[in-house]
C-alpha atoms as a PDB file:
ATOM      1  CA  MET A   1      37.806 150.181 163.404  1.00  0.00           C
ATOM      2  CA  THR A   2      34.559 148.960 164.687  1.00  0.00           C
ATOM      3  CA  THR A   3      33.853 145.463 165.741  1.00  0.00           C
ATOM      4  CA  VAL A   4      30.867 143.810 163.828  1.00  0.00           C
ATOM      5  CA  THR A   5      28.472 141.895 165.678  1.00  0.00           C
ATOM      6  CA  VAL A   6      26.496 138.795 164.156  1.00  0.00           C
ATOM      7  CA  SER A   7      24.071 136.405 165.578  1.00  0.00           C
ATOM      8  CA  LYS A   8      24.693 132.732 165.480  1.00  0.00           C
ATOM      9  CA  ARG A   9      21.896 132.234 163.027  1.00  0.00           C
ATOM     10  CA  ALA A  10      23.453 134.708 160.735  1.00  0.00           C
ATOM     11  CA  LEU A  11      26.934 133.244 161.185  1.00  0.00           C
ATOM     12  CA  LYS A  12      25.424 129.777 160.281  1.00  0.00           C
ATOM     13  CA  ALA A  13      23.985 131.051 157.166  1.00  0.00           C
ATOM     14  CA  ARG A  14      26.946 133.071 155.829  1.00  0.00           C
ATOM     15  CA  LEU A  15      29.981 131.541 157.637  1.00  0.00           C
ATOM     16  CA  LEU A  16      32.209 131.360 154.492  1.00  0.00           C
ATOM     17  CA  GLU A  17      31.521 135.059 153.760  1.00  0.00           C
ATOM     18  CA  TYR A  18      32.172 136.078 157.287  1.00  0.00           C
ATOM     19  CA  CYS A  19      35.533 134.186 157.358  1.00  0.00           C
ATOM     20  CA  ARG A  20      36.708 135.729 154.200  1.00  0.00           C
ATOM     21  CA  GLN A  21      35.806 139.409 155.436  1.00  0.00           C
ATOM     22  CA  VAL A  22      37.787 138.457 158.731  1.00  0.00           C
ATOM     23  CA  GLU A  23      40.753 137.138 156.555  1.00  0.00           C
ATOM     24  CA  GLN A  24      40.836 139.897 154.079  1.00  0.00           C
ATOM     25  CA  THR A  25      40.088 142.993 156.451  1.00  0.00           C
ATOM     26  CA  GLY A  26      41.392 141.725 159.840  1.00  0.00           C
ATOM     27  CA  GLU A  27      38.305 143.001 161.277  1.00  0.00           C
ATOM     28  CA  GLU A  28      36.858 140.931 164.290  1.00  0.00           C
ATOM     29  CA  ARG A  29      33.399 139.477 164.511  1.00  0.00           C
ATOM     30  CA  ILE A  30      31.503 139.038 167.752  1.00  0.00           C
ATOM     31  CA  VAL A  31      29.032 136.359 167.623  1.00  0.00           C
ATOM     32  CA  THR A  32      26.024 136.544 169.983  1.00  0.00           C
ATOM     33  CA  SER A  33      23.436 134.180 171.156  1.00  0.00           C
ATOM     34  CA  ASP A  34      20.168 135.926 172.191  1.00  0.00           C
ATOM     35  CA  GLY A  35      22.059 139.319 172.137  1.00  0.00           C
ATOM     36  CA  ILE A  36      24.670 137.921 174.415  1.00  0.00           C
ATOM     37  CA  PRO A  37      28.422 137.803 173.205  1.00  0.00           C
ATOM     38  CA  VAL A  38      29.606 134.175 173.196  1.00  0.00           C
ATOM     39  CA  LEU A  39      32.348 133.989 170.574  1.00  0.00           C
ATOM     40  CA  LYS A  40      34.882 136.262 168.889  1.00  0.00           C
ATOM     41  CA  VAL A  41      36.283 135.486 165.419  1.00  0.00           C
ATOM     42  CA  VAL A  42      39.569 136.989 164.900  1.00  0.00           C
ATOM     43  CA  PRO A  43      42.279 136.746 162.116  1.00  0.00           C
ATOM     44  CA  PHE A  44      45.145 133.977 162.946  1.00  0.00           C
ATOM     45  CA  ALA A  45      48.266 135.933 163.506  1.00  0.00           C
ATOM     46  CA  GLN A  46      50.955 134.191 161.639  1.00  0.00           C
ATOM     47  CA  GLN A  47      54.430 133.856 163.207  1.00  0.00           C
ATOM     48  CA  ARG A  48      56.981 136.175 161.701  1.00  0.00           C
ATOM     49  CA  SER A  49      60.235 134.698 160.495  1.00  0.00           C
ATOM     50  CA  VAL A  50      63.575 135.664 162.335  1.00  0.00           C
ATOM     51  CA  ASP A  51      64.450 137.926 159.292  1.00  0.00           C
ATOM     52  CA  ASP A  52      61.115 139.737 159.511  1.00  0.00           C
ATOM     53  CA  ALA A  53      61.292 140.063 163.418  1.00  0.00           C
ATOM     54  CA  PHE A  54      64.918 141.593 163.181  1.00  0.00           C
ATOM     55  CA  SER A  55      64.720 143.640 159.873  1.00  0.00           C
ATOM     56  CA  ASP A  56      64.486 146.900 161.626  1.00  0.00           C
ATOM     57  CA  ARG A  57      67.768 145.959 163.407  1.00  0.00           C
ATOM     58  CA  ARG A  58      69.550 144.839 160.339  1.00  0.00           C
ATOM     59  CA  GLY A  59      73.122 146.274 160.237  1.00  0.00           C
ATOM     60  CA  ALA A  60      72.882 147.730 163.780  1.00  0.00           C
ATOM     61  CA  LEU A  61      74.668 144.824 165.471  1.00  0.00           C
ATOM     62  CA  THR A  62      78.079 143.833 164.774  1.00  0.00           C
ATOM     63  CA  TRP A  63      80.153 140.701 165.848  1.00  0.00           C
ATOM     64  CA  THR A  64      83.778 141.101 166.678  1.00  0.00           C
ATOM     65  CA  GLY A  65      86.009 138.148 166.913  1.00  0.00           C
ATOM     66  CA  ASP A  66      86.212 134.784 165.143  1.00  0.00           C
ATOM     67  CA  ILE A  67      82.674 133.533 164.934  1.00  0.00           C
ATOM     68  CA  ASP A  68      83.853 130.075 164.267  1.00  0.00           C
ATOM     69  CA  ALA A  69      86.329 129.931 167.108  1.00  0.00           C
ATOM     70  CA  PRO A  70      85.885 126.863 169.376  1.00  0.00           C
ATOM     71  CA  THR A  71      84.284 127.487 172.908  1.00  0.00           C
ATOM     72  CA  ALA A  72      85.283 124.315 174.522  1.00  0.00           C
ATOM     73  CA  GLU A  73      87.413 126.307 177.035  1.00  0.00           C
ATOM     74  CA  GLU A  74      84.393 127.740 178.548  1.00  0.00           C
ATOM     75  CA  TRP A  75      82.905 124.296 179.373  1.00  0.00           C
ATOM     76  CA  LEU A  76      86.013 122.691 180.946  1.00  0.00           C
ATOM     77  CA  ASP A  77      85.442 123.956 184.292  1.00  0.00           C
ATOM     78  CA  ALA A  78      81.740 122.637 184.375  1.00  0.00           C
END
């Protein structure tokens, strides 16, 4: 995937179009001023839910023992 470079002038004229392209394709845009890169427009990475983050591990972990058992004994010595 190549990174597209646009001037500040072009960005100003077509900002909404470029934002939609970045959002839809995930392709970055480098904004230049007099040919010098000054900004990078990248898609915002959404945080994954816990279910999404561990979906590949589902069923791989097991719990043994009573999950509802009190744990107060562990804290009495503290």
